[in-house]
Amino acid sequence: MAFKKIYRTVQEEVFNPIAIWRKQKIFCIGRNKTGTTSLKKAMRDLGYIVGNQKKAEKLIECYKTRNFKSIIEFCKTAEFFQDVPFSWPFTFIAVDMAFPGSKFILTVRNDSEQWYNSLTKFHSKRFTHGELPTKDDLKNEIYCYKGWAWEVNQMIYDAPENNPYQKDILIQHYEVHNASVISYFKYRPQDFLLLNVAEENSYYKLCKFLDKKPLYTKMPWENKT
């Protein structure tokens, strides 16, 4: 049964892109390192077509100028989207206006400190050999293209060049983003889910929100830091 469901979604994606465009969109708008990779797996297992993350990350230039047209066009290629640029401020408002009836999931960690520690640990493993990345490390890192990581750091956090992971600045950004999302969807509980994937019942909360039958007993946990 699961194979047949996956085969149908692949058939639809390849042969009927208009059907994908018309499908309800679901956006994970939590910041990176809040369990978004685990959520992506859960959504894919539930049969949703997931957006191509590599292509989405290359939309940074559009995001910089708040030209959301290309981002909206990209959203016509799948049903579920997470991480960059959907984890950044303002994008959730643009796609909400473009796709009425969409659903939004704000993934969070237990607290801001846990999020910051997870982010810096992940970047230290990915961009260096365990040390907190510097400006030069980020500028020389080849991800999407050389310097992409540095552009994102400065554009999103506006942290000091000599301290790109300044704790109070990053934590404030995380908290402001979460607060703005929660405020925006305050009167739309049917469209919005606040989700901590580490909680025991998070998978059942997700399935209830999507009106889907659970496939397993707990949320899959991937890319853990």
Protein backbone atom coordinates (compact mmCIF):
# COMPACT_ATOMS: atom_id res chain seq x y z
CA MET A 1 0.00 0.00 0.00
CA ALA A 2 2.78 2.43 0.92
CA PHE A 3 4.60 1.64 -2.33
CA LYS A 4 1.44 2.29 -4.35
CA LYS A 5 0.98 5.66 -2.63
CA ILE A 6 4.57 6.71 -3.38
CA TYR A 7 4.23 5.51 -6.98
CA ARG A 8 1.06 7.58 -7.45
CA THR A 9 2.74 10.73 -6.13
CA VAL A 10 5.74 10.20 -8.40
CA GLN A 11 3.44 9.68 -11.38
CA GLU A 12 1.58 12.86 -10.56
CA GLU A 13 4.78 14.88 -10.11
CA VAL A 14 6.20 13.76 -13.45
CA PHE A 15 3.11 13.70 -15.62
CA ASN A 16 0.68 16.17 -14.05
CA PRO A 17 2.44 19.25 -12.62
CA ILE A 18 -0.82 21.22 -12.71
CA ALA A 19 -2.27 18.82 -10.14
CA ILE A 20 0.67 19.53 -7.82
CA TRP A 21 0.25 23.28 -8.27
CA ARG A 22 -3.39 23.02 -7.19
CA LYS A 23 -2.73 20.85 -4.15
CA GLN A 24 -2.85 22.33 -0.67
CA LYS A 25 0.54 23.63 0.46
CA ILE A 26 2.06 22.89 3.86
CA PHE A 27 4.94 25.02 5.08
CA CYS A 28 7.30 24.32 7.95
CA ILE A 29 8.33 27.83 9.01
CA GLY A 30 10.42 26.98 12.06
CA ARG A 31 14.06 27.98 12.06
CA ASN A 32 16.68 25.50 10.91
CA LYS A 33 17.78 23.11 13.68
CA THR A 34 14.30 22.76 15.13
CA GLY A 35 13.65 19.25 13.86
CA THR A 36 12.83 20.24 10.30
CA THR A 37 14.67 17.27 8.78
CA SER A 38 12.71 14.87 10.97
CA LEU A 39 9.48 16.58 9.96
CA LYS A 40 10.45 16.33 6.29
CA LYS A 41 10.85 12.56 6.62
CA ALA A 42 7.52 12.25 8.40
CA MET A 43 5.79 14.27 5.67
CA ARG A 44 7.39 12.26 2.88
CA ASP A 45 6.35 9.01 4.57
CA LEU A 46 2.79 10.34 4.78
CA GLY A 47 2.83 10.66 0.99
CA TYR A 48 3.49 14.38 0.52
CA ILE A 49 5.67 15.62 -2.33
CA VAL A 50 8.55 17.51 -0.72
CA GLY A 51 10.17 20.55 -2.31
CA ASN A 52 13.73 20.30 -3.61
CA GLN A 53 15.77 21.94 -0.86
CA LYS A 54 18.85 22.57 -2.99
CA LYS A 55 16.81 24.59 -5.46
CA ALA A 56 15.08 26.49 -2.66
CA GLU A 57 18.39 27.54 -1.12
CA LYS A 58 19.41 29.20 -4.37
CA LEU A 59 16.50 31.63 -4.07
CA ILE A 60 18.49 33.76 -1.64
CA GLU A 61 18.86 36.65 -4.10
CA CYS A 62 15.09 36.85 -4.52
CA TYR A 63 14.62 36.83 -0.77
CA LYS A 64 17.16 39.61 -0.26
CA THR A 65 15.12 42.05 -2.32
CA ARG A 66 11.79 40.69 -1.00
CA ASN A 67 10.92 39.62 -4.52
CA PHE A 68 8.84 36.60 -3.61
CA LYS A 69 7.63 35.86 -7.14
CA SER A 70 10.29 33.19 -7.78
CA ILE A 71 9.70 31.64 -4.36
CA ILE A 72 5.97 31.44 -5.07
CA GLU A 73 6.67 29.82 -8.46
CA PHE A 74 8.91 27.29 -6.73
CA CYS A 75 6.06 26.42 -4.38
CA LYS A 76 4.04 25.16 -7.34
CA THR A 77 6.44 22.21 -7.68
CA ALA A 78 5.55 20.34 -4.50
CA GLU A 79 3.25 20.14 -1.46
CA PHE A 80 5.54 20.47 1.56
CA PHE A 81 8.40 22.91 2.11
CA GLN A 82 10.86 23.51 4.96
CA ASP A 83 14.10 25.31 5.83
CA VAL A 84 15.55 28.10 3.66
CA PRO A 85 13.85 30.35 2.60
CA PHE A 86 10.70 29.25 4.42
CA SER A 87 12.42 29.38 7.81
CA TRP A 88 13.22 33.08 7.35
CA PRO A 89 11.10 36.09 8.33
CA PHE A 90 8.46 37.40 5.92
CA THR A 91 8.36 34.36 3.61
CA PHE A 92 5.44 32.82 5.50
CA ILE A 93 3.37 35.95 4.92
CA ALA A 94 4.08 35.98 1.18
CA VAL A 95 3.19 32.32 0.65
CA ASP A 96 0.13 32.65 2.86
CA MET A 97 -1.16 35.38 0.57
CA ALA A 98 -0.25 33.42 -2.55
CA PHE A 99 -1.76 30.09 -1.49
CA PRO A 100 -4.99 30.55 0.50
CA GLY A 101 -5.93 27.51 2.53
CA SER A 102 -2.34 26.47 3.21
CA LYS A 103 -1.21 25.04 6.53
CA PHE A 104 1.77 26.24 8.55
CA ILE A 105 3.91 24.39 11.09
CA LEU A 106 6.20 26.30 13.44
CA THR A 107 8.80 23.85 14.74
CA VAL A 108 10.54 24.84 17.98
CA ARG A 109 13.07 23.48 20.46
CA ASN A 110 12.55 23.18 24.22
CA ASP A 111 14.07 26.62 24.69
CA SER A 112 16.22 29.22 22.92
CA GLU A 113 19.42 27.97 24.52
CA GLN A 114 18.89 24.48 23.14
CA TRP A 115 18.29 25.87 19.66
CA TYR A 116 21.44 28.00 19.77
CA ASN A 117 23.57 25.09 20.99
CA SER A 118 22.20 22.83 18.27
CA LEU A 119 22.85 25.40 15.55
CA THR A 120 26.41 26.17 16.61
CA LYS A 121 27.26 22.50 17.12
CA PHE A 122 25.96 21.63 13.65
CA HIS A 123 27.82 24.49 11.96
CA SER A 124 31.00 23.68 13.85
CA LYS A 125 30.86 20.13 12.49
CA ARG A 126 29.90 21.15 8.97
CA PHE A 127 32.07 24.21 8.38
CA THR A 128 35.15 23.55 10.56
CA HIS A 129 36.72 20.72 12.54
CA GLY A 130 34.75 21.41 15.69
CA GLU A 131 35.48 25.09 16.27
CA LEU A 132 32.88 27.81 15.99
CA PRO A 133 33.13 29.13 12.41
CA THR A 134 34.66 32.55 11.84
CA LYS A 135 33.94 35.08 9.12
CA ASP A 136 36.71 33.58 6.96
CA ASP A 137 35.41 30.05 7.52
CA LEU A 138 31.97 31.03 6.33
CA LYS A 139 33.27 33.06 3.40
CA ASN A 140 35.37 30.16 2.16
CA GLU A 141 32.76 27.47 2.70
CA ILE A 142 31.36 26.09 -0.55
CA TYR A 143 27.69 25.37 0.08
CA CYS A 144 25.40 26.24 -2.83
CA TYR A 145 28.31 28.49 -3.81
CA LYS A 146 31.37 29.93 -2.11
CA GLY A 147 30.37 32.44 0.53
CA TRP A 148 26.68 31.46 0.67
CA ALA A 149 26.91 30.67 4.38
CA TRP A 150 28.41 34.08 5.12
CA GLU A 151 25.75 35.89 3.10
CA VAL A 152 23.02 34.11 5.03
CA ASN A 153 24.62 34.84 8.38
CA GLN A 154 24.86 38.56 7.67
CA MET A 155 21.50 38.86 5.95
CA ILE A 156 19.49 36.99 8.57
CA TYR A 157 21.28 37.69 11.86
CA ASP A 158 23.21 40.88 11.07
CA ALA A 159 25.79 39.69 13.60
CA PRO A 160 29.17 41.42 14.08
CA GLU A 161 31.69 40.34 11.45
CA ASN A 162 34.19 39.38 14.17
CA ASN A 163 31.58 37.34 16.02
CA PRO A 164 29.07 35.88 13.53
CA TYR A 165 27.53 33.59 16.17
CA GLN A 166 27.10 36.18 18.90
CA LYS A 167 24.74 34.39 21.22
CA ASP A 168 22.41 37.17 22.31
CA ILE A 169 21.84 38.34 18.72
CA LEU A 170 21.05 34.89 17.35
CA ILE A 171 18.79 34.01 20.26
CA GLN A 172 16.92 37.27 19.93
CA HIS A 173 16.38 36.56 16.23
CA TYR A 174 15.04 33.08 17.02
CA GLU A 175 12.66 34.39 19.66
CA VAL A 176 11.41 37.31 17.57
CA HIS A 177 10.75 35.03 14.60
CA ASN A 178 8.75 32.58 16.70
CA ALA A 179 6.78 35.35 18.40
CA SER A 180 5.91 37.03 15.09
CA VAL A 181 4.68 33.75 13.59
CA ILE A 182 2.55 32.92 16.63
CA SER A 183 1.06 36.41 16.63
CA TYR A 184 0.32 36.28 12.89
CA PHE A 185 -1.66 33.01 13.19
CA LYS A 186 -3.25 33.82 16.55
CA TYR A 187 -6.81 33.62 15.25
CA ARG A 188 -6.28 30.81 12.74
CA PRO A 189 -5.78 27.62 14.77
CA GLN A 190 -7.09 25.50 11.90
CA ASP A 191 -4.16 26.66 9.74
CA PHE A 192 -1.37 26.65 12.30
CA LEU A 193 0.47 24.10 14.41
CA LEU A 194 3.16 24.81 17.01
CA LEU A 195 5.26 21.65 17.12
CA ASN A 196 8.18 20.43 19.20
CA VAL A 197 9.19 17.21 17.45
CA ALA A 198 10.99 16.00 20.59
CA GLU A 199 7.74 15.77 22.54
CA GLU A 200 6.31 12.32 23.03
CA ASN A 201 3.02 12.99 21.21
CA SER A 202 4.39 15.25 18.46
CA TYR A 203 3.76 12.77 15.65
CA TYR A 204 0.13 12.28 16.66
CA LYS A 205 -0.34 16.06 16.88
CA LEU A 206 1.04 16.35 13.35
CA CYS A 207 -1.24 13.65 11.95
CA LYS A 208 -4.29 15.12 13.66
CA PHE A 209 -3.47 18.56 12.24
CA LEU A 210 -3.19 17.08 8.74
CA ASP A 211 -6.11 14.68 9.18
CA LYS A 212 -3.83 11.76 8.36
CA LYS A 213 -3.70 8.26 9.79
CA PRO A 214 -0.42 7.73 11.73
CA LEU A 215 2.05 5.33 10.18
CA TYR A 216 4.16 4.86 13.31
CA THR A 217 4.08 5.64 17.02
CA LYS A 218 6.55 8.50 17.28
CA MET A 219 8.24 11.18 15.22
CA PRO A 220 11.30 9.98 13.30
CA TRP A 221 14.42 11.69 14.62
CA GLU A 222 17.01 12.56 11.99
CA ASN A 223 20.08 14.81 11.82
CA LYS A 224 20.18 15.04 15.61
CA THR A 225 22.46 17.68 17.20
